[in-house]
């Protein structure tokens, strides 16, 4: 878990560390990442890194969580197939055209298996769960194969319409 020493850093230093993390984890899978490169880019000591994070996985999880929070900003909850489709399309565009693209792409290719799996809320209605799974699959495939994003979005749209056809 990210330590309070990182959370309480001044904005400038926190931004420098975050930028160094983004640079490292956007260029290297978690298994190949190096604290040495991060501390050099951030202009901090190795000891400071370990005052902020338990290890590289902790630092990665911190950064990835921030990326997901940033990318989900402005993404509302939708219940119709058309709204969910548009939300997914907007998210993909934001991710593919933003600073987190390489981070997310490497996440899907290499890093996803290293992290604890996100567990959906147990009280999520089945149709909402199905819509979430369909949308996240479209996002994943679009990040891995951006030239064919529209194909994945079109498939998502058809699947969402089938799943959400009957309101319940």
C-alpha atoms as a PDB file:
ATOM      1  CA  UNK A   1       0.000   0.000   0.000  1.00  0.00           C
ATOM      2  CA  UNK A   2       1.206   3.497  -0.842  1.00  0.00           C
ATOM      3  CA  UNK A   3       2.668   5.107   2.225  1.00  0.00           C
ATOM      4  CA  UNK A   4       1.551   8.375   3.765  1.00  0.00           C
ATOM      5  CA  UNK A   5       4.958   9.869   2.988  1.00  0.00           C
ATOM      6  CA  UNK A   6       4.059   9.754  -0.717  1.00  0.00           C
ATOM      7  CA  UNK A   7       0.500  10.899  -0.220  1.00  0.00           C
ATOM      8  CA  UNK A   8       1.714  13.864   1.824  1.00  0.00           C
ATOM      9  CA  UNK A   9       4.467  14.972  -0.588  1.00  0.00           C
ATOM     10  CA  UNK A  10       4.294  18.493  -1.944  1.00  0.00           C
ATOM     11  CA  UNK A  11       2.655  18.700  -5.361  1.00  0.00           C
ATOM     12  CA  UNK A  12       5.889  19.323  -7.267  1.00  0.00           C
ATOM     13  CA  UNK A  13       7.772  16.346  -5.838  1.00  0.00           C
ATOM     14  CA  UNK A  14       4.720  14.085  -6.120  1.00  0.00           C
ATOM     15  CA  UNK A  15       4.367  15.084  -9.781  1.00  0.00           C
ATOM     16  CA  UNK A  16       8.064  14.322 -10.417  1.00  0.00           C
ATOM     17  CA  UNK A  17       7.766  10.861  -8.859  1.00  0.00           C
ATOM     18  CA  UNK A  18       4.516  10.166 -10.697  1.00  0.00           C
ATOM     19  CA  UNK A  19       6.054  11.253 -14.013  1.00  0.00           C
ATOM     20  CA  UNK A  20       9.039   8.957 -13.404  1.00  0.00           C
ATOM     21  CA  UNK A  21       6.694   6.061 -12.605  1.00  0.00           C
ATOM     22  CA  UNK A  22       4.679   6.741 -15.748  1.00  0.00           C
ATOM     23  CA  UNK A  23       7.842   6.854 -17.854  1.00  0.00           C
ATOM     24  CA  UNK A  24       9.120   3.575 -16.411  1.00  0.00           C
ATOM     25  CA  UNK A  25       5.878   1.619 -16.497  1.00  0.00           C
ATOM     26  CA  UNK A  26       4.973   2.906 -19.962  1.00  0.00           C
ATOM     27  CA  UNK A  27       8.265   1.627 -21.372  1.00  0.00           C
ATOM     28  CA  UNK A  28       8.857  -1.553 -19.357  1.00  0.00           C
ATOM     29  CA  UNK A  29       6.685  -4.399 -18.104  1.00  0.00           C
ATOM     30  CA  UNK A  30       6.501  -4.633 -14.320  1.00  0.00           C
ATOM     31  CA  UNK A  31       8.850  -7.642 -14.357  1.00  0.00           C
ATOM     32  CA  UNK A  32      11.536  -5.556 -16.114  1.00  0.00           C
ATOM     33  CA  UNK A  33      10.983  -2.265 -14.300  1.00  0.00           C
ATOM     34  CA  UNK A  34      13.842  -0.864 -12.250  1.00  0.00           C
ATOM     35  CA  UNK A  35      13.815   1.299  -9.150  1.00  0.00           C
ATOM     36  CA  UNK A  36      17.168   2.728 -10.311  1.00  0.00           C
ATOM     37  CA  UNK A  37      15.634   4.300 -13.423  1.00  0.00           C
ATOM     38  CA  UNK A  38      12.667   5.655 -11.463  1.00  0.00           C
ATOM     39  CA  UNK A  39      14.756   7.319  -8.777  1.00  0.00           C
ATOM     40  CA  UNK A  40      17.119   8.797 -11.356  1.00  0.00           C
ATOM     41  CA  UNK A  41      14.237  10.262 -13.381  1.00  0.00           C
ATOM     42  CA  UNK A  42      12.424  11.494 -10.280  1.00  0.00           C
ATOM     43  CA  UNK A  43      15.554  12.981  -8.740  1.00  0.00           C
ATOM     44  CA  UNK A  44      15.066  11.116  -5.463  1.00  0.00           C
ATOM     45  CA  UNK A  45      17.137   8.642  -3.491  1.00  0.00           C
ATOM     46  CA  UNK A  46      16.488   4.913  -3.508  1.00  0.00           C
ATOM     47  CA  UNK A  47      15.659   5.193   0.200  1.00  0.00           C
ATOM     48  CA  UNK A  48      12.997   7.788  -0.583  1.00  0.00           C
ATOM     49  CA  UNK A  49      11.392   5.417  -3.081  1.00  0.00           C
ATOM     50  CA  UNK A  50      11.000   2.832  -0.326  1.00  0.00           C
ATOM     51  CA  UNK A  51       9.623   5.478   2.029  1.00  0.00           C
ATOM     52  CA  UNK A  52       6.883   6.074  -0.548  1.00  0.00           C
ATOM     53  CA  UNK A  53       6.201   2.515  -1.747  1.00  0.00           C
ATOM     54  CA  UNK A  54       6.693  -1.027  -0.449  1.00  0.00           C
ATOM     55  CA  UNK A  55       8.110  -2.196  -3.789  1.00  0.00           C
ATOM     56  CA  UNK A  56       7.722  -1.811  -7.551  1.00  0.00           C
ATOM     57  CA  UNK A  57       4.362  -3.572  -7.560  1.00  0.00           C
ATOM     58  CA  UNK A  58       3.066  -1.127  -4.976  1.00  0.00           C
ATOM     59  CA  UNK A  59       4.320   1.816  -7.058  1.00  0.00           C
ATOM     60  CA  UNK A  60       2.746   0.308 -10.187  1.00  0.00           C
ATOM     61  CA  UNK A  61      -0.595  -0.210  -8.468  1.00  0.00           C
ATOM     62  CA  UNK A  62      -0.517   3.383  -7.235  1.00  0.00           C
ATOM     63  CA  UNK A  63       0.131   4.723 -10.728  1.00  0.00           C
ATOM     64  CA  UNK A  64      -2.360   2.424 -12.450  1.00  0.00           C
ATOM     65  CA  UNK A  65      -5.040   3.349  -9.924  1.00  0.00           C
ATOM     66  CA  UNK A  66      -4.372   7.033 -10.590  1.00  0.00           C
ATOM     67  CA  UNK A  67      -4.545   6.438 -14.348  1.00  0.00           C
ATOM     68  CA  UNK A  68      -7.893   4.665 -14.043  1.00  0.00           C
ATOM     69  CA  UNK A  69      -9.229   7.408 -11.803  1.00  0.00           C
ATOM     70  CA  UNK A  70      -8.113  10.079 -14.283  1.00  0.00           C
ATOM     71  CA  UNK A  71      -9.561   8.192 -17.254  1.00  0.00           C
ATOM     72  CA  UNK A  72     -12.876   7.582 -15.504  1.00  0.00           C
ATOM     73  CA  UNK A  73     -13.271  11.260 -14.616  1.00  0.00           C
ATOM     74  CA  UNK A  74     -16.384  12.474 -16.338  1.00  0.00           C
ATOM     75  CA  UNK A  75     -17.508   8.960 -17.214  1.00  0.00           C
ATOM     76  CA  UNK A  76     -21.025   8.611 -15.918  1.00  0.00           C
ATOM     77  CA  UNK A  77     -23.051   5.593 -15.063  1.00  0.00           C
ATOM     78  CA  UNK A  78     -25.229   4.543 -17.954  1.00  0.00           C
ATOM     79  CA  UNK A  79     -28.041   2.066 -18.221  1.00  0.00           C
ATOM     80  CA  UNK A  80     -29.010   2.008 -21.890  1.00  0.00           C
ATOM     81  CA  UNK A  81     -27.042   0.199 -24.557  1.00  0.00           C
ATOM     82  CA  UNK A  82     -26.549   3.435 -26.512  1.00  0.00           C
ATOM     83  CA  UNK A  83     -25.263   5.317 -23.457  1.00  0.00           C
ATOM     84  CA  UNK A  84     -22.910   2.533 -22.400  1.00  0.00           C
ATOM     85  CA  UNK A  85     -21.609   2.263 -25.965  1.00  0.00           C
ATOM     86  CA  UNK A  86     -20.938   6.015 -26.094  1.00  0.00           C
ATOM     87  CA  UNK A  87     -19.266   5.960 -22.674  1.00  0.00           C
ATOM     88  CA  UNK A  88     -17.002   3.107 -23.790  1.00  0.00           C
ATOM     89  CA  UNK A  89     -16.195   4.887 -27.042  1.00  0.00           C
ATOM     90  CA  UNK A  90     -15.320   8.085 -25.164  1.00  0.00           C
ATOM     91  CA  UNK A  91     -13.168   6.171 -22.658  1.00  0.00           C
ATOM     92  CA  UNK A  92     -11.254   4.405 -25.444  1.00  0.00           C
ATOM     93  CA  UNK A  93     -10.647   7.669 -27.264  1.00  0.00           C
ATOM     94  CA  UNK A  94      -9.452   9.343 -24.081  1.00  0.00           C
ATOM     95  CA  UNK A  95      -7.146   6.408 -23.275  1.00  0.00           C
ATOM     96  CA  UNK A  96      -5.733   5.992 -26.779  1.00  0.00           C
ATOM     97  CA  UNK A  97      -5.051   9.694 -27.195  1.00  0.00           C
ATOM     98  CA  UNK A  98      -3.780  10.385 -23.713  1.00  0.00           C
ATOM     99  CA  UNK A  99      -0.628   9.977 -21.698  1.00  0.00           C
ATOM    100  CA  UNK A 100      -1.678   6.607 -20.279  1.00  0.00           C
ATOM    101  CA  UNK A 101      -1.940   4.690 -23.542  1.00  0.00           C
ATOM    102  CA  UNK A 102       1.414   2.860 -23.277  1.00  0.00           C
ATOM    103  CA  UNK A 103       0.866   2.142 -19.580  1.00  0.00           C
ATOM    104  CA  UNK A 104      -2.517   0.544 -20.230  1.00  0.00           C
ATOM    105  CA  UNK A 105      -1.308  -1.357 -23.274  1.00  0.00           C
ATOM    106  CA  UNK A 106       1.581  -2.881 -21.301  1.00  0.00           C
ATOM    107  CA  UNK A 107      -0.837  -3.586 -18.476  1.00  0.00           C
ATOM    108  CA  UNK A 108      -2.969  -5.769 -20.726  1.00  0.00           C
ATOM    109  CA  UNK A 109       0.000  -7.443 -22.433  1.00  0.00           C
ATOM    110  CA  UNK A 110       2.216  -8.135 -19.404  1.00  0.00           C
ATOM    111  CA  UNK A 111       1.146  -6.778 -16.054  1.00  0.00           C
ATOM    112  CA  UNK A 112      -2.475  -7.727 -15.525  1.00  0.00           C
ATOM    113  CA  UNK A 113      -1.588 -11.193 -14.246  1.00  0.00           C
ATOM    114  CA  UNK A 114       0.727  -9.788 -11.560  1.00  0.00           C
ATOM    115  CA  UNK A 115      -1.987  -7.833  -9.812  1.00  0.00           C
ATOM    116  CA  UNK A 116      -4.908  -8.914  -7.662  1.00  0.00           C
ATOM    117  CA  UNK A 117      -8.015  -9.269  -9.742  1.00  0.00           C
ATOM    118  CA  UNK A 118     -10.687  -6.649  -9.325  1.00  0.00           C
ATOM    119  CA  UNK A 119     -13.827  -8.240  -7.990  1.00  0.00           C
ATOM    120  CA  UNK A 120     -17.100  -6.731  -9.172  1.00  0.00           C
ATOM    121  CA  UNK A 121     -19.601  -5.836  -6.510  1.00  0.00           C
ATOM    122  CA  UNK A 122     -21.494  -8.930  -5.477  1.00  0.00           C
ATOM    123  CA  UNK A 123     -24.806  -7.091  -5.527  1.00  0.00           C
ATOM    124  CA  UNK A 124     -24.429  -5.987  -9.158  1.00  0.00           C
ATOM    125  CA  UNK A 125     -27.487  -7.099 -11.134  1.00  0.00           C
ATOM    126  CA  UNK A 126     -26.671  -9.726 -13.771  1.00  0.00           C
ATOM    127  CA  UNK A 127     -27.401  -7.453 -16.739  1.00  0.00           C
ATOM    128  CA  UNK A 128     -25.258  -4.685 -15.308  1.00  0.00           C
ATOM    129  CA  UNK A 129     -22.456  -7.193 -14.736  1.00  0.00           C
ATOM    130  CA  UNK A 130     -22.799  -8.457 -18.320  1.00  0.00           C
ATOM    131  CA  UNK A 131     -22.705  -4.898 -19.674  1.00  0.00           C
ATOM    132  CA  UNK A 132     -19.600  -4.150 -17.591  1.00  0.00           C
ATOM    133  CA  UNK A 133     -17.804  -7.273 -18.841  1.00  0.00           C
ATOM    134  CA  UNK A 134     -18.726  -6.539 -22.458  1.00  0.00           C
ATOM    135  CA  UNK A 135     -17.551  -2.921 -22.205  1.00  0.00           C
ATOM    136  CA  UNK A 136     -14.273  -3.812 -20.516  1.00  0.00           C
ATOM    137  CA  UNK A 137     -13.602  -6.447 -23.184  1.00  0.00           C
ATOM    138  CA  UNK A 138     -14.113  -3.820 -25.897  1.00  0.00           C
ATOM    139  CA  UNK A 139     -11.738  -1.483 -24.071  1.00  0.00           C
ATOM    140  CA  UNK A 140      -9.099  -4.184 -23.644  1.00  0.00           C
ATOM    141  CA  UNK A 141      -9.202  -5.266 -27.275  1.00  0.00           C
ATOM    142  CA  UNK A 142      -9.174  -1.659 -28.484  1.00  0.00           C
ATOM    143  CA  UNK A 143      -6.092  -0.879 -26.419  1.00  0.00           C
ATOM    144  CA  UNK A 144      -4.299  -3.937 -27.776  1.00  0.00           C
ATOM    145  CA  UNK A 145      -5.431  -3.414 -31.372  1.00  0.00           C
ATOM    146  CA  UNK A 146      -6.200   0.289 -31.797  1.00  0.00           C
ATOM    147  CA  UNK A 147      -6.480   0.119 -35.591  1.00  0.00           C
ATOM    148  CA  UNK A 148      -9.553  -2.073 -35.169  1.00  0.00           C
ATOM    149  CA  UNK A 149     -11.226  -0.258 -32.276  1.00  0.00           C
ATOM    150  CA  UNK A 150     -14.377   0.363 -34.275  1.00  0.00           C
ATOM    151  CA  UNK A 151     -14.798  -3.372 -34.894  1.00  0.00           C
ATOM    152  CA  UNK A 152     -14.696  -4.004 -31.119  1.00  0.00           C
ATOM    153  CA  UNK A 153     -17.041  -1.097 -30.454  1.00  0.00           C
ATOM    154  CA  UNK A 154     -19.499  -2.381 -33.063  1.00  0.00           C
ATOM    155  CA  UNK A 155     -19.430  -5.837 -31.461  1.00  0.00           C
ATOM    156  CA  UNK A 156     -19.920  -4.240 -28.043  1.00  0.00           C
ATOM    157  CA  UNK A 157     -22.941  -2.336 -29.318  1.00  0.00           C
ATOM    158  CA  UNK A 158     -24.619  -5.467 -30.668  1.00  0.00           C
ATOM    159  CA  UNK A 159     -23.852  -7.450 -27.507  1.00  0.00           C
ATOM    160  CA  UNK A 160     -25.126  -4.665 -25.235  1.00  0.00           C
ATOM    161  CA  UNK A 161     -28.327  -4.360 -27.205  1.00  0.00           C
ATOM    162  CA  UNK A 162     -28.884  -8.118 -26.859  1.00  0.00           C
ATOM    163  CA  UNK A 163     -28.139  -8.155 -23.135  1.00  0.00           C
ATOM    164  CA  UNK A 164     -30.096  -5.028 -22.269  1.00  0.00           C
ATOM    165  CA  UNK A 165     -32.952  -5.645 -24.697  1.00  0.00           C
ATOM    166  CA  UNK A 166     -35.494  -6.291 -21.998  1.00  0.00           C
ATOM    167  CA  UNK A 167     -35.574  -3.964 -19.021  1.00  0.00           C
ATOM    168  CA  UNK A 168     -35.823  -5.732 -15.726  1.00  0.00           C
END
